[in-house]
């Protein structure tokens, strides 16, 4: 697909989503202001061709209200919506940066190294149901493990890193791998089936990050000050989050597994957050804080000024 044509599809979806409901005439006015139009209007036939292509490529339906002749994006299920939003946001940012090259030295983005080399390989393997063979070098080992064969079940991005979860064929168990720790990844010719009873959302739904097979699911209560509460409202920690607002603080409730990556996230908020329950999570927090304080208590670790 031509890059320019793809950008036009993204522009049309993004425009309709931002306005909610919009007529074709309004779309055309906005189109004439964009750098993609080259100063030429979007013909009716072109608009309908883009609309059909968008439905086929992105599974995004652009509907028309017959009483107002306004176009809108039909709502899909929440998971599909979140995936589409991520794809569209990423593509929209790419389009925006192409139009802003003259100020590129004043735009700073987060680096996602795992997307560069093997993301497309794993996506193709997942789509076509082919196993992936690779060498893997986790941070916990000196030497990489060669010839790991995994049947991908799902992908997840977390803390600027991509992870694939799937069945390790040799060990016959589900495992998760960071794409940036892979080398020599290749798609194998054979095919596989994901079990009918496997639900990816259910498998990772009770986890904060990418640790899915550890810890117990508990009801977690966190107290935050009023300012931190605003950040949690804007970007929830987890899909199970709900809030009870008090005069000068809020209590956020979650249903989550008590995993190490969740504890590390809570520790990053420092005194702005207090774990109220469960007791096990409070103990994990206290233990980690004590170990951190002990690092500073041992003055022999610090050089003389």
Foldseek 3Di string as FASTA:
>chain_A
DDPLLVLVLLVVQVVQAVVQWAALVVVQVVLCVDPSQVNPTQDPVNVVVSQVVCCVPLVWHWDADVVVNITHTDDDDPVSVVVSVVVSVVSVVVVVCVVVVVCVVVDDDDAQVLCPDCPVVVVVCQVQQFWKFWWFDDPVDDDIRHGWIFRFDDWDDDPSWIKTWGARVVVRDIDIGTSVRTDPIDTDDDGDDDDPPDDPCVQCQQAQGPPRPDADWDKWKKKFFPVVVVVCVVPPSHPQWDWDDDDGIIIIIGTHGLDPVVLVVQVVVPPRMDTPDDPVSNVVNVVVVVVVVVVVVPCVVDDDD
